[in-house]
């Protein structure tokens, strides 16, 4: 019976690593534009678990509506989207980099061959 757990464990580990790699691939940098509360959920009704200081750098995991899920030194949580900026695509409110190289914000040679 010990053989079955030894076979399953590597598969579970591989699945977990795949999910973790996918989450990291969607992440993008962010900078706090003002002091901002980090909350347990996406809304003012959720509890405050931490605070970002102006200029503090975070990793933005995902955004939905007016809120972004951030990872930083301290508890992870949700921050109001309008209080974050992407340093590489400084639109307001926070945006992830364009997926299409022809979208605004991409340099003329980014993702294109020369000649």
PDB file of N, CA and C in Angstrom:
ATOM      1  N   UNK A   1       0.812  -1.201   0.000  1.00  0.00           N
ATOM      2  CA  UNK A   1       0.000   0.000   0.000  1.00  0.00           C
ATOM      3  C   UNK A   1       0.852   1.260   0.000  1.00  0.00           C
ATOM      4  N   UNK A   2       2.123   1.198   0.377  1.00  0.00           N
ATOM      5  CA  UNK A   2       2.941   2.405   0.387  1.00  0.00           C
ATOM      6  C   UNK A   2       3.336   2.830  -1.017  1.00  0.00           C
ATOM      7  N   UNK A   3       3.196   1.940  -2.011  1.00  0.00           N
ATOM      8  CA  UNK A   3       3.548   2.280  -3.381  1.00  0.00           C
ATOM      9  C   UNK A   3       2.594   3.322  -3.963  1.00  0.00           C
ATOM     10  N   UNK A   4       1.305   3.204  -3.704  1.00  0.00           N
ATOM     11  CA  UNK A   4       0.321   4.135  -4.257  1.00  0.00           C
ATOM     12  C   UNK A   4       0.590   5.572  -3.804  1.00  0.00           C
ATOM     13  N   UNK A   5       0.795   5.866  -2.508  1.00  0.00           N
ATOM     14  CA  UNK A   5       1.111   7.235  -2.111  1.00  0.00           C
ATOM     15  C   UNK A   5       2.392   7.756  -2.759  1.00  0.00           C
ATOM     16  N   UNK A   6       3.366   6.874  -2.967  1.00  0.00           N
ATOM     17  CA  UNK A   6       4.617   7.304  -3.606  1.00  0.00           C
ATOM     18  C   UNK A   6       4.385   7.674  -5.067  1.00  0.00           C
ATOM     19  N   UNK A   7       3.409   7.070  -5.704  1.00  0.00           N
ATOM     20  CA  UNK A   7       3.081   7.404  -7.088  1.00  0.00           C
ATOM     21  C   UNK A   7       2.236   8.669  -7.173  1.00  0.00           C
ATOM     22  N   UNK A   8       1.359   8.862  -6.227  1.00  0.00           N
ATOM     23  CA  UNK A   8       0.446  10.006  -6.260  1.00  0.00           C
ATOM     24  C   UNK A   8       1.146  11.296  -5.845  1.00  0.00           C
ATOM     25  N   UNK A   9       2.033  11.236  -4.876  1.00  0.00           N
ATOM     26  CA  UNK A   9       2.684  12.433  -4.355  1.00  0.00           C
ATOM     27  C   UNK A   9       3.373  13.264  -5.446  1.00  0.00           C
ATOM     28  N   UNK A  10       4.166  12.664  -6.352  1.00  0.00           N
ATOM     29  CA  UNK A  10       4.794  13.472  -7.404  1.00  0.00           C
ATOM     30  C   UNK A  10       3.772  14.126  -8.336  1.00  0.00           C
ATOM     31  N   UNK A  11       2.654  13.456  -8.595  1.00  0.00           N
ATOM     32  CA  UNK A  11       1.628  14.037  -9.463  1.00  0.00           C
ATOM     33  C   UNK A  11       0.964  15.230  -8.788  1.00  0.00           C
ATOM     34  N   UNK A  12       0.696  15.110  -7.508  1.00  0.00           N
ATOM     35  CA  UNK A  12       0.092  16.225  -6.768  1.00  0.00           C
ATOM     36  C   UNK A  12       1.069  17.396  -6.720  1.00  0.00           C
ATOM     37  N   UNK A  13       2.338  17.130  -6.481  1.00  0.00           N
ATOM     38  CA  UNK A  13       3.355  18.172  -6.455  1.00  0.00           C
ATOM     39  C   UNK A  13       3.455  18.862  -7.815  1.00  0.00           C
ATOM     40  N   UNK A  14       3.463  18.103  -8.894  1.00  0.00           N
ATOM     41  CA  UNK A  14       3.547  18.675 -10.238  1.00  0.00           C
ATOM     42  C   UNK A  14       2.339  19.551 -10.532  1.00  0.00           C
ATOM     43  N   UNK A  15       1.157  19.114 -10.132  1.00  0.00           N
ATOM     44  CA  UNK A  15      -0.051  19.912 -10.349  1.00  0.00           C
ATOM     45  C   UNK A  15       0.022  21.215  -9.565  1.00  0.00           C
ATOM     46  N   UNK A  16       0.505  21.160  -8.345  1.00  0.00           N
ATOM     47  CA  UNK A  16       0.645  22.361  -7.526  1.00  0.00           C
ATOM     48  C   UNK A  16       1.637  23.342  -8.115  1.00  0.00           C
ATOM     49  N   UNK A  17       2.746  22.842  -8.618  1.00  0.00           N
ATOM     50  CA  UNK A  17       3.744  23.714  -9.237  1.00  0.00           C
ATOM     51  C   UNK A  17       3.207  24.360 -10.509  1.00  0.00           C
ATOM     52  N   UNK A  18       2.416  23.626 -11.274  1.00  0.00           N
ATOM     53  CA  UNK A  18       1.812  24.175 -12.487  1.00  0.00           C
ATOM     54  C   UNK A  18       0.869  25.312 -12.142  1.00  0.00           C
ATOM     55  N   UNK A  19       0.055  25.129 -11.133  1.00  0.00           N
ATOM     56  CA  UNK A  19      -0.869  26.182 -10.707  1.00  0.00           C
ATOM     57  C   UNK A  19      -0.091  27.387 -10.203  1.00  0.00           C
ATOM     58  N   UNK A  20       0.942  27.179  -9.419  1.00  0.00           N
ATOM     59  CA  UNK A  20       1.745  28.285  -8.895  1.00  0.00           C
ATOM     60  C   UNK A  20       2.430  29.041 -10.023  1.00  0.00           C
ATOM     61  N   UNK A  21       2.957  28.333 -11.015  1.00  0.00           N
ATOM     62  CA  UNK A  21       3.614  28.987 -12.146  1.00  0.00           C
ATOM     63  C   UNK A  21       2.622  29.820 -12.947  1.00  0.00           C
ATOM     64  N   UNK A  22       1.394  29.347 -13.084  1.00  0.00           N
ATOM     65  CA  UNK A  22       0.375  30.102 -13.792  1.00  0.00           C
ATOM     66  C   UNK A  22       0.054  31.384 -13.054  1.00  0.00           C
ATOM     67  N   UNK A  23      -0.063  31.332 -11.743  1.00  0.00           N
ATOM     68  CA  UNK A  23      -0.368  32.524 -10.954  1.00  0.00           C
ATOM     69  C   UNK A  23       0.750  33.547 -11.084  1.00  0.00           C
ATOM     70  N   UNK A  24       1.996  33.105 -11.065  1.00  0.00           N
ATOM     71  CA  UNK A  24       3.110  34.028 -11.179  1.00  0.00           C
ATOM     72  C   UNK A  24       3.127  34.657 -12.570  1.00  0.00           C
ATOM     73  N   UNK A  25       2.770  33.909 -13.600  1.00  0.00           N
ATOM     74  CA  UNK A  25       2.785  34.426 -14.953  1.00  0.00           C
ATOM     75  C   UNK A  25       1.793  35.565 -15.136  1.00  0.00           C
ATOM     76  N   UNK A  26       0.728  35.609 -14.358  1.00  0.00           N
ATOM     77  CA  UNK A  26      -0.267  36.653 -14.480  1.00  0.00           C
ATOM     78  C   UNK A  26       0.071  37.873 -13.648  1.00  0.00           C
ATOM     79  N   UNK A  27       1.046  37.797 -12.781  1.00  0.00           N
ATOM     80  CA  UNK A  27       1.384  38.888 -11.885  1.00  0.00           C
ATOM     81  C   UNK A  27       2.127  39.996 -12.625  1.00  0.00           C
ATOM     82  N   UNK A  28       2.015  41.216 -12.091  1.00  0.00           N
ATOM     83  CA  UNK A  28       2.700  42.374 -12.663  1.00  0.00           C
ATOM     84  C   UNK A  28       3.079  43.320 -11.525  1.00  0.00           C
ATOM     85  N   UNK A  29       4.070  44.172 -11.746  1.00  0.00           N
ATOM     86  CA  UNK A  29       4.483  45.082 -10.684  1.00  0.00           C
ATOM     87  C   UNK A  29       3.465  46.190 -10.455  1.00  0.00           C
ATOM     88  N   UNK A  30       3.485  46.742  -9.267  1.00  0.00           N
ATOM     89  CA  UNK A  30       2.636  47.880  -8.950  1.00  0.00           C
ATOM     90  C   UNK A  30       3.311  48.762  -7.922  1.00  0.00           C
ATOM     91  N   UNK A  31       2.920  50.040  -7.909  1.00  0.00           N
ATOM     92  CA  UNK A  31       3.430  51.009  -6.943  1.00  0.00           C
ATOM     93  C   UNK A  31       2.230  51.732  -6.342  1.00  0.00           C
ATOM     94  N   UNK A  32       2.243  51.894  -5.020  1.00  0.00           N
ATOM     95  CA  UNK A  32       1.163  52.607  -4.345  1.00  0.00           C
ATOM     96  C   UNK A  32       1.281  54.104  -4.626  1.00  0.00           C
ATOM     97  N   UNK A  33       0.189  54.709  -5.095  1.00  0.00           N
ATOM     98  CA  UNK A  33       0.162  56.144  -5.387  1.00  0.00           C
ATOM     99  C   UNK A  33      -0.102  56.976  -4.132  1.00  0.00           C
ATOM    100  N   UNK A  34      -0.630  56.348  -3.103  1.00  0.00           N
ATOM    101  CA  UNK A  34      -0.959  57.017  -1.842  1.00  0.00           C
ATOM    102  C   UNK A  34      -0.938  55.964  -0.751  1.00  0.00           C
ATOM    103  N   UNK A  35      -1.020  56.387   0.498  1.00  0.00           N
ATOM    104  CA  UNK A  35      -1.182  55.411   1.572  1.00  0.00           C
ATOM    105  C   UNK A  35      -2.480  54.665   1.315  1.00  0.00           C
ATOM    106  N   UNK A  36      -2.444  53.355   1.380  1.00  0.00           N
ATOM    107  CA  UNK A  36      -3.609  52.554   1.012  1.00  0.00           C
ATOM    108  C   UNK A  36      -3.795  51.396   1.984  1.00  0.00           C
ATOM    109  N   UNK A  37      -5.018  51.152   2.357  1.00  0.00           N
ATOM    110  CA  UNK A  37      -5.339  50.012   3.206  1.00  0.00           C
ATOM    111  C   UNK A  37      -5.316  48.725   2.398  1.00  0.00           C
ATOM    112  N   UNK A  38      -4.752  47.671   2.976  1.00  0.00           N
ATOM    113  CA  UNK A  38      -4.787  46.331   2.397  1.00  0.00           C
ATOM    114  C   UNK A  38      -5.892  45.596   3.142  1.00  0.00           C
ATOM    115  N   UNK A  39      -6.873  45.081   2.399  1.00  0.00           N
ATOM    116  CA  UNK A  39      -8.063  44.485   3.009  1.00  0.00           C
ATOM    117  C   UNK A  39      -8.150  42.985   2.734  1.00  0.00           C
ATOM    118  N   UNK A  40      -8.977  42.321   3.530  1.00  0.00           N
ATOM    119  CA  UNK A  40      -9.152  40.869   3.389  1.00  0.00           C
ATOM    120  C   UNK A  40     -10.001  40.498   2.185  1.00  0.00           C
ATOM    121  N   UNK A  41     -10.675  41.444   1.578  1.00  0.00           N
ATOM    122  CA  UNK A  41     -11.510  41.190   0.410  1.00  0.00           C
ATOM    123  C   UNK A  41     -11.666  42.450  -0.415  1.00  0.00           C
ATOM    124  N   UNK A  42     -12.278  42.328  -1.592  1.00  0.00           N
ATOM    125  CA  UNK A  42     -12.396  43.456  -2.520  1.00  0.00           C
ATOM    126  C   UNK A  42     -13.574  44.385  -2.212  1.00  0.00           C
ATOM    127  N   UNK A  43     -13.439  45.191  -1.182  1.00  0.00           N
ATOM    128  CA  UNK A  43     -14.489  46.143  -0.848  1.00  0.00           C
ATOM    129  C   UNK A  43     -14.230  46.821   0.481  1.00  0.00           C
ATOM    130  N   UNK A  44     -14.873  47.961   0.695  1.00  0.00           N
ATOM    131  CA  UNK A  44     -14.686  48.718   1.930  1.00  0.00           C
ATOM    132  C   UNK A  44     -15.240  48.001   3.153  1.00  0.00           C
ATOM    133  N   UNK A  45     -16.134  47.038   2.957  1.00  0.00           N
ATOM    134  CA  UNK A  45     -16.717  46.302   4.064  1.00  0.00           C
ATOM    135  C   UNK A  45     -15.811  45.224   4.639  1.00  0.00           C
ATOM    136  N   UNK A  46     -14.682  44.966   4.002  1.00  0.00           N
ATOM    137  CA  UNK A  46     -13.744  43.949   4.481  1.00  0.00           C
ATOM    138  C   UNK A  46     -12.746  44.564   5.452  1.00  0.00           C
ATOM    139  N   UNK A  47     -12.210  43.733   6.349  1.00  0.00           N
ATOM    140  CA  UNK A  47     -11.277  44.196   7.358  1.00  0.00           C
ATOM    141  C   UNK A  47      -9.934  44.616   6.785  1.00  0.00           C
ATOM    142  N   UNK A  48      -9.269  45.515   7.497  1.00  0.00           N
ATOM    143  CA  UNK A  48      -7.945  45.998   7.112  1.00  0.00           C
ATOM    144  C   UNK A  48      -6.895  45.100   7.768  1.00  0.00           C
ATOM    145  N   UNK A  49      -5.967  44.560   6.956  1.00  0.00           N
ATOM    146  CA  UNK A  49      -4.912  43.692   7.486  1.00  0.00           C
ATOM    147  C   UNK A  49      -3.541  44.350   7.451  1.00  0.00           C
ATOM    148  N   UNK A  50      -3.403  45.417   6.669  1.00  0.00           N
ATOM    149  CA  UNK A  50      -2.109  46.092   6.549  1.00  0.00           C
ATOM    150  C   UNK A  50      -2.322  47.420   5.837  1.00  0.00           C
ATOM    151  N   UNK A  51      -1.238  48.182   5.677  1.00  0.00           N
ATOM    152  CA  UNK A  51      -1.305  49.435   4.947  1.00  0.00           C
ATOM    153  C   UNK A  51      -0.080  49.560   4.057  1.00  0.00           C
ATOM    154  N   UNK A  52      -0.288  50.033   2.827  1.00  0.00           N
ATOM    155  CA  UNK A  52       0.821  50.346   1.928  1.00  0.00           C
ATOM    156  C   UNK A  52       1.174  51.816   2.111  1.00  0.00           C
ATOM    157  N   UNK A  53       2.450  52.123   2.037  1.00  0.00           N
ATOM    158  CA  UNK A  53       2.904  53.503   2.081  1.00  0.00           C
ATOM    159  C   UNK A  53       3.069  54.024   0.656  1.00  0.00           C
ATOM    160  N   UNK A  54       2.995  55.326   0.491  1.00  0.00           N
ATOM    161  CA  UNK A  54       3.203  55.939  -0.820  1.00  0.00           C
ATOM    162  C   UNK A  54       4.522  55.440  -1.397  1.00  0.00           C
ATOM    163  N   UNK A  55       4.499  54.992  -2.655  1.00  0.00           N
ATOM    164  CA  UNK A  55       5.706  54.527  -3.330  1.00  0.00           C
ATOM    165  C   UNK A  55       6.081  53.087  -3.047  1.00  0.00           C
ATOM    166  N   UNK A  56       5.360  52.421  -2.157  1.00  0.00           N
ATOM    167  CA  UNK A  56       5.680  51.023  -1.847  1.00  0.00           C
ATOM    168  C   UNK A  56       5.391  50.142  -3.057  1.00  0.00           C
ATOM    169  N   UNK A  57       6.313  49.240  -3.319  1.00  0.00           N
ATOM    170  CA  UNK A  57       6.184  48.332  -4.471  1.00  0.00           C
ATOM    171  C   UNK A  57       5.479  47.052  -4.051  1.00  0.00           C
ATOM    172  N   UNK A  58       4.603  46.576  -4.930  1.00  0.00           N
ATOM    173  CA  UNK A  58       3.842  45.351  -4.691  1.00  0.00           C
ATOM    174  C   UNK A  58       3.861  44.516  -5.962  1.00  0.00           C
ATOM    175  N   UNK A  59       3.398  43.286  -5.843  1.00  0.00           N
ATOM    176  CA  UNK A  59       3.137  42.438  -7.003  1.00  0.00           C
ATOM    177  C   UNK A  59       1.631  42.311  -7.097  1.00  0.00           C
ATOM    178  N   UNK A  60       1.089  42.732  -8.220  1.00  0.00           N
ATOM    179  CA  UNK A  60      -0.359  42.663  -8.426  1.00  0.00           C
ATOM    180  C   UNK A  60      -0.675  41.310  -9.049  1.00  0.00           C
ATOM    181  N   UNK A  61      -1.441  40.504  -8.322  1.00  0.00           N
ATOM    182  CA  UNK A  61      -1.784  39.156  -8.758  1.00  0.00           C
ATOM    183  C   UNK A  61      -2.952  39.186  -9.733  1.00  0.00           C
ATOM    184  N   UNK A  62      -3.967  39.990  -9.420  1.00  0.00           N
ATOM    185  CA  UNK A  62      -5.163  40.037 -10.257  1.00  0.00           C
ATOM    186  C   UNK A  62      -5.941  41.300  -9.923  1.00  0.00           C
ATOM    187  N   UNK A  63      -6.717  41.770 -10.864  1.00  0.00           N
ATOM    188  CA  UNK A  63      -7.607  42.906 -10.634  1.00  0.00           C
ATOM    189  C   UNK A  63      -8.990  42.543 -11.145  1.00  0.00           C
ATOM    190  N   UNK A  64      -9.991  43.003 -10.435  1.00  0.00           N
ATOM    191  CA  UNK A  64     -11.370  42.816 -10.859  1.00  0.00           C
ATOM    192  C   UNK A  64     -12.184  44.005 -10.386  1.00  0.00           C
ATOM    193  N   UNK A  65     -12.854  44.673 -11.307  1.00  0.00           N
ATOM    194  CA  UNK A  65     -13.616  45.850 -10.933  1.00  0.00           C
ATOM    195  C   UNK A  65     -12.692  46.933 -10.402  1.00  0.00           C
ATOM    196  N   UNK A  66     -12.975  47.418  -9.208  1.00  0.00           N
ATOM    197  CA  UNK A  66     -12.202  48.509  -8.613  1.00  0.00           C
ATOM    198  C   UNK A  66     -11.118  48.054  -7.649  1.00  0.00           C
ATOM    199  N   UNK A  67     -10.846  46.735  -7.574  1.00  0.00           N
ATOM    200  CA  UNK A  67      -9.921  46.216  -6.574  1.00  0.00           C
ATOM    201  C   UNK A  67      -8.876  45.298  -7.198  1.00  0.00           C
ATOM    202  N   UNK A  68      -7.668  45.313  -6.623  1.00  0.00           N
ATOM    203  CA  UNK A  68      -6.585  44.433  -7.068  1.00  0.00           C
ATOM    204  C   UNK A  68      -6.069  43.624  -5.878  1.00  0.00           C
ATOM    205  N   UNK A  69      -5.797  42.353  -6.131  1.00  0.00           N
ATOM    206  CA  UNK A  69      -5.185  41.470  -5.138  1.00  0.00           C
ATOM    207  C   UNK A  69      -3.672  41.660  -5.237  1.00  0.00           C
ATOM    208  N   UNK A  70      -3.034  42.014  -4.098  1.00  0.00           N
ATOM    209  CA  UNK A  70      -1.600  42.293  -4.120  1.00  0.00           C
ATOM    210  C   UNK A  70      -0.843  41.390  -3.166  1.00  0.00           C
ATOM    211  N   UNK A  71       0.414  41.164  -3.516  1.00  0.00           N
ATOM    212  CA  UNK A  71       1.365  40.441  -2.680  1.00  0.00           C
ATOM    213  C   UNK A  71       2.466  41.442  -2.343  1.00  0.00           C
ATOM    214  N   UNK A  72       2.841  41.527  -1.087  1.00  0.00           N
ATOM    215  CA  UNK A  72       3.903  42.435  -0.672  1.00  0.00           C
ATOM    216  C   UNK A  72       4.494  41.931   0.637  1.00  0.00           C
ATOM    217  N   UNK A  73       5.474  42.651   1.152  1.00  0.00           N
ATOM    218  CA  UNK A  73       6.036  42.282   2.444  1.00  0.00           C
ATOM    219  C   UNK A  73       4.980  42.625   3.484  1.00  0.00           C
ATOM    220  N   UNK A  74       4.410  41.617   4.063  1.00  0.00           N
ATOM    221  CA  UNK A  74       3.276  41.778   4.962  1.00  0.00           C
ATOM    222  C   UNK A  74       2.134  40.933   4.436  1.00  0.00           C
ATOM    223  N   UNK A  75       0.981  40.995   5.085  1.00  0.00           N
ATOM    224  CA  UNK A  75      -0.145  40.176   4.639  1.00  0.00           C
ATOM    225  C   UNK A  75      -0.629  40.573   3.242  1.00  0.00           C
ATOM    226  N   UNK A  76      -0.882  39.578   2.410  1.00  0.00           N
ATOM    227  CA  UNK A  76      -1.465  39.834   1.095  1.00  0.00           C
ATOM    228  C   UNK A  76      -2.910  40.257   1.277  1.00  0.00           C
ATOM    229  N   UNK A  77      -3.429  40.962   0.301  1.00  0.00           N
ATOM    230  CA  UNK A  77      -4.821  41.382   0.384  1.00  0.00           C
ATOM    231  C   UNK A  77      -5.215  42.247  -0.800  1.00  0.00           C
ATOM    232  N   UNK A  78      -6.336  42.908  -0.649  1.00  0.00           N
ATOM    233  CA  UNK A  78      -6.953  43.689  -1.722  1.00  0.00           C
ATOM    234  C   UNK A  78      -6.742  45.178  -1.495  1.00  0.00           C
ATOM    235  N   UNK A  79      -6.398  45.888  -2.580  1.00  0.00           N
ATOM    236  CA  UNK A  79      -6.163  47.333  -2.543  1.00  0.00           C
ATOM    237  C   UNK A  79      -7.000  47.975  -3.645  1.00  0.00           C
ATOM    238  N   UNK A  80      -7.533  49.148  -3.364  1.00  0.00           N
ATOM    239  CA  UNK A  80      -8.328  49.880  -4.353  1.00  0.00           C
ATOM    240  C   UNK A  80      -7.484  50.122  -5.596  1.00  0.00           C
ATOM    241  N   UNK A  81      -8.024  49.774  -6.749  1.00  0.00           N
ATOM    242  CA  UNK A  81      -7.302  49.839  -8.016  1.00  0.00           C
ATOM    243  C   UNK A  81      -6.786  51.251  -8.311  1.00  0.00           C
ATOM    244  N   UNK A  82      -7.552  52.262  -7.962  1.00  0.00           N
ATOM    245  CA  UNK A  82      -7.167  53.649  -8.266  1.00  0.00           C
ATOM    246  C   UNK A  82      -5.962  54.112  -7.455  1.00  0.00           C
ATOM    247  N   UNK A  83      -5.550  53.343  -6.440  1.00  0.00           N
ATOM    248  CA  UNK A  83      -4.407  53.713  -5.609  1.00  0.00           C
ATOM    249  C   UNK A  83      -3.120  53.017  -6.045  1.00  0.00           C
ATOM    250  N   UNK A  84      -3.174  52.306  -7.176  1.00  0.00           N
ATOM    251  CA  UNK A  84      -2.009  51.587  -7.692  1.00  0.00           C
ATOM    252  C   UNK A  84      -1.704  52.038  -9.116  1.00  0.00           C
ATOM    253  N   UNK A  85      -0.433  51.947  -9.481  1.00  0.00           N
ATOM    254  CA  UNK A  85      -0.031  52.219 -10.860  1.00  0.00           C
ATOM    255  C   UNK A  85       0.981  51.155 -11.273  1.00  0.00           C
ATOM    256  N   UNK A  86       0.917  50.758 -12.543  1.00  0.00           N
ATOM    257  CA  UNK A  86       1.907  49.853 -13.116  1.00  0.00           C
ATOM    258  C   UNK A  86       3.044  50.725 -13.642  1.00  0.00           C
ATOM    259  N   UNK A  87       4.277  50.561 -13.138  1.00  0.00           N
ATOM    260  CA  UNK A  87       5.362  51.456 -13.543  1.00  0.00           C
ATOM    261  C   UNK A  87       5.732  51.354 -15.023  1.00  0.00           C
ATOM    262  N   UNK A  88       5.375  50.253 -15.674  1.00  0.00           N
ATOM    263  CA  UNK A  88       5.712  50.082 -17.083  1.00  0.00           C
ATOM    264  C   UNK A  88       4.587  50.520 -18.014  1.00  0.00           C
ATOM    265  N   UNK A  89       3.380  50.572 -17.517  1.00  0.00           N
ATOM    266  CA  UNK A  89       2.213  51.003 -18.289  1.00  0.00           C
ATOM    267  C   UNK A  89       1.405  51.933 -17.394  1.00  0.00           C
ATOM    268  N   UNK A  90       1.875  53.172 -17.211  1.00  0.00           N
ATOM    269  CA  UNK A  90       1.308  54.048 -16.183  1.00  0.00           C
ATOM    270  C   UNK A  90      -0.057  54.640 -16.525  1.00  0.00           C
ATOM    271  N   UNK A  91      -0.989  53.792 -16.893  1.00  0.00           N
ATOM    272  CA  UNK A  91      -2.358  54.256 -17.083  1.00  0.00           C
ATOM    273  C   UNK A  91      -3.027  54.329 -15.721  1.00  0.00           C
ATOM    274  N   UNK A  92      -4.114  55.058 -15.653  1.00  0.00           N
ATOM    275  CA  UNK A  92      -4.802  55.192 -14.364  1.00  0.00           C
ATOM    276  C   UNK A  92      -6.272  54.868 -14.576  1.00  0.00           C
ATOM    277  N   UNK A  93      -6.915  53.971 -13.881  1.00  0.00           N
ATOM    278  CA  UNK A  93      -6.370  53.176 -12.792  1.00  0.00           C
ATOM    279  C   UNK A  93      -5.464  52.053 -13.301  1.00  0.00           C
ATOM    280  N   UNK A  94      -4.990  51.233 -12.374  1.00  0.00           N
ATOM    281  CA  UNK A  94      -4.006  50.189 -12.671  1.00  0.00           C
ATOM    282  C   UNK A  94      -4.450  49.296 -13.824  1.00  0.00           C
ATOM    283  N   UNK A  95      -3.505  48.998 -14.721  1.00  0.00           N
ATOM    284  CA  UNK A  95      -3.741  48.055 -15.815  1.00  0.00           C
ATOM    285  C   UNK A  95      -2.566  47.114 -15.933  1.00  0.00           C
ATOM    286  N   UNK A  96      -2.870  45.882 -16.354  1.00  0.00           N
ATOM    287  CA  UNK A  96      -1.823  44.926 -16.692  1.00  0.00           C
ATOM    288  C   UNK A  96      -1.261  45.294 -18.053  1.00  0.00           C
ATOM    289  N   UNK A  97      -0.053  44.827 -18.397  1.00  0.00           N
ATOM    290  CA  UNK A  97       0.500  45.095 -19.719  1.00  0.00           C
ATOM    291  C   UNK A  97      -0.417  44.562 -20.808  1.00  0.00           C
ATOM    292  N   UNK A  98      -0.478  45.249 -21.952  1.00  0.00           N
ATOM    293  CA  UNK A  98      -1.310  44.752 -23.053  1.00  0.00           C
ATOM    294  C   UNK A  98      -0.847  43.380 -23.526  1.00  0.00           C
ATOM    295  N   UNK A  99      -1.792  42.512 -23.856  1.00  0.00           N
ATOM    296  CA  UNK A  99      -1.457  41.185 -24.375  1.00  0.00           C
ATOM    297  C   UNK A  99      -1.198  41.242 -25.884  1.00  0.00           C
ATOM    298  N   UNK A 100      -1.783  42.217 -26.552  1.00  0.00           N
ATOM    299  CA  UNK A 100      -1.623  42.401 -27.986  1.00  0.00           C
ATOM    300  C   UNK A 100      -0.534  43.451 -28.218  1.00  0.00           C
ATOM    301  N   UNK A 101       0.515  43.142 -28.998  1.00  0.00           N
ATOM    302  CA  UNK A 101       1.604  44.101 -29.197  1.00  0.00           C
ATOM    303  C   UNK A 101       1.164  45.379 -29.913  1.00  0.00           C
ATOM    304  N   UNK A 102      -0.013  45.397 -30.533  1.00  0.00           N
ATOM    305  CA  UNK A 102      -0.481  46.584 -31.236  1.00  0.00           C
ATOM    306  C   UNK A 102      -1.293  47.521 -30.352  1.00  0.00           C
ATOM    307  N   UNK A 103      -1.546  47.120 -29.101  1.00  0.00           N
ATOM    308  CA  UNK A 103      -2.304  47.980 -28.197  1.00  0.00           C
ATOM    309  C   UNK A 103      -1.451  49.162 -27.761  1.00  0.00           C
ATOM    310  N   UNK A 104      -2.089  50.294 -27.419  1.00  0.00           N
ATOM    311  CA  UNK A 104      -1.335  51.463 -26.957  1.00  0.00           C
ATOM    312  C   UNK A 104      -0.482  51.121 -25.738  1.00  0.00           C
ATOM    313  N   UNK A 105       0.656  51.763 -25.640  1.00  0.00           N
ATOM    314  CA  UNK A 105       1.541  51.545 -24.507  1.00  0.00           C
ATOM    315  C   UNK A 105       2.725  50.676 -24.852  1.00  0.00           C
ATOM    316  N   UNK A 106       2.697  50.049 -26.017  1.00  0.00           N
ATOM    317  CA  UNK A 106       3.828  49.224 -26.438  1.00  0.00           C
ATOM    318  C   UNK A 106       4.743  50.056 -27.326  1.00  0.00           C
ATOM    319  N   UNK A 107       6.032  49.901 -27.131  1.00  0.00           N
ATOM    320  CA  UNK A 107       6.994  50.603 -27.977  1.00  0.00           C
ATOM    321  C   UNK A 107       6.935  50.080 -29.403  1.00  0.00           C
ATOM    322  N   UNK A 108       7.439  50.856 -30.368  1.00  0.00           N
ATOM    323  CA  UNK A 108       7.317  50.473 -31.773  1.00  0.00           C
ATOM    324  C   UNK A 108       8.063  49.195 -32.136  1.00  0.00           C
ATOM    325  N   UNK A 109       9.072  48.788 -31.358  1.00  0.00           N
ATOM    326  CA  UNK A 109       9.837  47.595 -31.694  1.00  0.00           C
ATOM    327  C   UNK A 109       9.606  46.446 -30.734  1.00  0.00           C
ATOM    328  N   UNK A 110       8.800  46.626 -29.755  1.00  0.00           N
ATOM    329  CA  UNK A 110       8.556  45.564 -28.784  1.00  0.00           C
ATOM    330  C   UNK A 110       7.765  44.449 -29.446  1.00  0.00           C
ATOM    331  N   UNK A 111       8.322  43.257 -29.442  1.00  0.00           N
ATOM    332  CA  UNK A 111       7.622  42.099 -29.987  1.00  0.00           C
ATOM    333  C   UNK A 111       7.572  42.042 -31.506  1.00  0.00           C
ATOM    334  N   UNK A 112       8.346  42.885 -32.165  1.00  0.00           N
ATOM    335  CA  UNK A 112       8.336  42.901 -33.629  1.00  0.00           C
ATOM    336  C   UNK A 112       9.760  42.701 -34.147  1.00  0.00           C
ATOM    337  N   UNK A 113       9.862  42.093 -35.306  1.00  0.00           N
ATOM    338  CA  UNK A 113      11.185  41.920 -35.898  1.00  0.00           C
ATOM    339  C   UNK A 113      11.557  43.166 -36.680  1.00  0.00           C
ATOM    340  N   UNK A 114      12.851  43.409 -36.795  1.00  0.00           N
ATOM    341  CA  UNK A 114      13.351  44.568 -37.536  1.00  0.00           C
ATOM    342  C   UNK A 114      13.694  44.107 -38.934  1.00  0.00           C
ATOM    343  N   UNK A 115      13.277  44.886 -39.947  1.00  0.00           N
ATOM    344  CA  UNK A 115      13.666  44.600 -41.317  1.00  0.00           C
ATOM    345  C   UNK A 115      12.647  43.947 -42.055  1.00  0.00           C
TER     346      UNK A 115
END
